Amino acid sequence: MKKGVIGLVALVLILATSCGKDNPTNPTTTSSSLAGTYTLESMTIQRGTTTITVRPPDLSGTLVLTGNRYSLTLTVPSEGFKESEGGSYTLSGSTITFRSDGGDSSTGNLSTDRRTITISDVSEGIRSTAMFVRK
C-alpha cells in the first residue's frame, strides 16, 4: 500500500528529528453534521521504542470535511515540507474511513462530542496518530 499523507509526514518528522456511509445505529451523526474545518492539535509518531509528539508551530494542518469529501493539508515549516491530499470518507458509528483519490486509506475515530477526529496510520513500521479539533 502507498503511504498516505499522515504516514508521509510522520516519516518526514522522524527524519527531521533524527537529523537535528452514515451508520443507521447512530442517526445523529451524519456526514453533513461533521462538515467543517478541523485544525491539527498534535501528531504522535512511534517507531520502535521511540515516541515523539509534535504540535504547532512545529507542525500545522487542517482537515476539511464537506459532504462525503475531505481535504487534508499538513506542513512542517522547519523542513519546508507541505503535503496535501483529498478524497472521500465514510462514517460508520464513530469510525471514519478516509480513502484518498490516489487509493490510500486511513481510519479515524470521532469523539463522542463530535469535535475531535483522531486519524491513525501505520506505514513502513512507523505508527502515526494525528488529532484534529473543530473549533
Protein backbone atom coordinates (compact mmCIF):
# COMPACT_ATOMS: atom_id res chain seq x y z
CA MET A 1 0.00 0.00 0.00
CA LYS A 2 1.22 3.50 -0.75
CA LYS A 3 2.00 5.91 2.04
CA GLY A 4 -0.85 8.25 3.00
CA VAL A 5 -0.14 11.87 3.81
CA ILE A 6 -0.21 11.15 7.58
CA GLY A 7 2.41 8.42 7.15
CA LEU A 8 4.47 10.62 4.84
CA VAL A 9 4.51 13.49 7.33
CA ALA A 10 5.44 11.06 10.11
CA LEU A 11 8.38 9.88 8.03
CA VAL A 12 9.49 13.47 7.32
CA LEU A 13 9.26 14.33 11.03
CA ILE A 14 11.25 11.25 12.06
CA LEU A 15 13.94 12.11 9.52
CA ALA A 16 13.97 15.73 10.68
CA THR A 17 14.26 14.84 14.37
CA SER A 18 16.98 12.26 13.71
CA CYS A 19 18.94 14.98 11.90
CA GLY A 20 18.93 17.61 14.49
CA LYS A 21 -21.87 5.98 4.62
CA ASP A 22 -23.73 7.11 7.74
CA ASN A 23 -24.40 4.50 10.35
CA PRO A 24 -28.08 3.88 10.98
CA THR A 25 -27.33 2.88 14.60
CA ASN A 26 -26.13 6.45 15.23
CA PRO A 27 -28.59 8.65 13.31
CA THR A 28 -27.44 11.91 14.97
CA THR A 29 -24.02 11.74 13.31
CA THR A 30 -24.13 12.29 9.57
CA SER A 31 -21.59 13.45 7.04
CA SER A 32 -23.32 16.83 6.92
CA SER A 33 -23.14 17.21 10.72
CA LEU A 34 -19.36 16.66 10.51
CA ALA A 35 -18.84 19.28 7.82
CA GLY A 36 -16.32 21.93 8.75
CA THR A 37 -12.65 22.67 9.29
CA TYR A 38 -10.65 20.75 11.86
CA THR A 39 -7.25 22.04 12.99
CA LEU A 40 -4.32 19.81 13.88
CA GLU A 41 -3.69 19.80 17.63
CA SER A 42 -0.91 17.18 17.73
CA MET A 43 0.70 14.23 16.00
CA THR A 44 2.28 11.35 17.87
CA ILE A 45 4.79 9.23 15.99
CA GLN A 46 6.07 5.86 17.17
CA ARG A 47 8.94 3.94 15.63
CA GLY A 48 10.20 1.00 17.63
CA THR A 49 10.63 2.20 21.21
CA THR A 50 10.88 5.87 20.24
CA THR A 51 7.81 8.09 20.55
CA ILE A 52 7.65 11.80 19.74
CA THR A 53 4.72 14.18 19.87
CA VAL A 54 4.74 17.22 17.61
CA ARG A 55 2.44 20.22 17.96
CA PRO A 56 2.04 23.57 16.26
CA PRO A 57 4.04 25.58 15.36
CA ASP A 58 6.44 22.70 14.51
CA LEU A 59 3.67 21.01 12.53
CA SER A 60 0.43 22.50 11.27
CA GLY A 61 -2.50 21.06 9.44
CA THR A 62 -6.15 21.25 8.51
CA LEU A 63 -8.76 18.64 7.73
CA VAL A 64 -11.78 19.96 5.85
CA LEU A 65 -14.92 17.82 5.56
CA THR A 66 -17.67 18.69 3.07
CA GLY A 67 -20.40 16.25 2.10
CA ASN A 68 -18.60 12.92 1.79
CA ARG A 69 -15.30 14.53 0.67
CA TYR A 70 -12.24 15.59 2.62
CA SER A 71 -9.10 17.61 2.03
CA LEU A 72 -6.08 17.32 4.28
CA THR A 73 -3.03 19.59 4.38
CA LEU A 74 -0.02 19.09 6.65
CA THR A 75 3.00 21.39 6.86
CA VAL A 76 6.38 21.03 8.58
CA PRO A 77 7.66 24.64 8.35
CA SER A 78 11.22 23.93 9.53
CA GLU A 79 11.67 21.40 6.70
CA GLY A 80 9.87 23.42 4.02
CA PHE A 81 7.50 20.46 3.65
CA LYS A 82 3.86 20.79 2.68
CA GLU A 83 1.67 17.92 1.56
CA SER A 84 -1.99 17.80 0.64
CA GLU A 85 -4.41 15.08 -0.32
CA GLY A 86 -8.10 14.75 -0.89
CA GLY A 87 -10.63 12.03 -1.27
CA SER A 88 -13.80 10.61 0.14
CA TYR A 89 -14.75 9.42 3.59
CA THR A 90 -17.38 7.14 5.03
CA LEU A 91 -18.79 7.13 8.52
CA SER A 92 -19.83 4.06 10.49
CA GLY A 93 -20.69 4.81 14.10
CA SER A 94 -17.66 6.65 15.46
CA THR A 95 -15.28 5.22 12.84
CA ILE A 96 -14.35 7.31 9.82
CA THR A 97 -12.60 5.69 6.87
CA PHE A 98 -10.68 8.09 4.64
CA ARG A 99 -9.88 6.95 1.09
CA SER A 100 -7.65 9.28 -0.89
CA ASP A 101 -8.21 9.90 -4.58
CA GLY A 102 -4.89 8.05 -5.05
CA GLY A 103 -6.27 4.90 -3.39
CA ASP A 104 -4.60 5.11 0.05
CA SER A 105 -6.78 4.68 3.11
CA SER A 106 -6.61 5.56 6.79
CA THR A 107 -9.00 5.07 9.66
CA GLY A 108 -10.12 7.72 12.10
CA ASN A 109 -12.23 7.89 15.22
CA LEU A 110 -14.77 10.54 16.08
CA SER A 111 -15.02 11.68 19.69
CA THR A 112 -18.34 11.47 21.49
CA ASP A 113 -18.70 15.28 21.42
CA ARG A 114 -18.23 15.18 17.59
CA ARG A 115 -15.48 17.84 17.76
CA THR A 116 -12.32 15.70 17.60
CA ILE A 117 -11.15 13.34 14.88
CA THR A 118 -8.15 11.13 15.53
CA ILE A 119 -6.55 9.54 12.46
CA SER A 120 -4.11 6.64 12.77
CA ASP A 121 -1.82 5.22 10.14
CA VAL A 122 0.97 2.64 10.00
CA SER A 123 3.49 2.87 7.20
CA GLU A 124 6.94 1.28 6.92
CA GLY A 125 6.95 0.37 10.62
CA ILE A 126 6.01 3.89 11.72
CA ARG A 127 2.74 4.42 13.60
CA SER A 128 1.37 7.94 13.49
CA THR A 129 -1.69 9.36 15.18
CA ALA A 130 -2.95 12.84 14.33
CA MET A 131 -5.60 14.65 16.37
CA PHE A 132 -7.75 17.29 14.67
CA VAL A 133 -10.24 19.52 16.55
CA ARG A 134 -13.14 21.56 15.19
CA LYS A 135 -13.18 24.93 16.94
